[in-house]
């Protein structure tokens, strides 16, 4: 089974695109969501995170996302250390998940794909792009956060120009949803044809 990796910077709309593939019957693995679950449920991972970031990383046994974000998004070394703990656990979980799926291909959605070399494990990569201002507005609409916090998170992701050079397929998510839906269907059909 082929693995198609879907990525894009914060607020690019990759979740919307993933949803469109899901409507076409493609199994979707959202790496960021699964990472949060593993950080919450995996006891040894939890322990390692507390050793790295301190007891405050969990409040009454619950993942303290606000505290973790405040620690790592302005400290790239700490962020790398956290990713070095979380990414292998997610990779293992994804492989187990993939074995229980059917279809010609699955989609793995991951925010940081090129930055950590994860794209090398993909059969194809799809990059979702949108203008920075549009992305900021989208995140402000969906999260209780500030423009400064969003920009700090963006600093930890490569700019689109750099990612475009490595991506197999680029979806410009700065157009109406109907056009994007048509594009997604076309990509889906091309992938089915290529990998059948």
Foldseek 3Di string as FASTA:
>chain_A
DFEEEEEEAFQLCSVVLLVLVVVVVAAEAELVVVLQVCCQPVVVLVVVVCVLQNPVCADVSHGPVVSVLVPPLQPPVSVVVNCVSRVVVSVVVVVVVVVPDDDLYHYYYDHACVVVVVCVRHPFYEYRGEDPVSSLVSCVVVDVDDSVSSVSRVVNHDDPVVVVVVHPHYHYPPDDPVVSSVVSVVVVVVSNVVRD
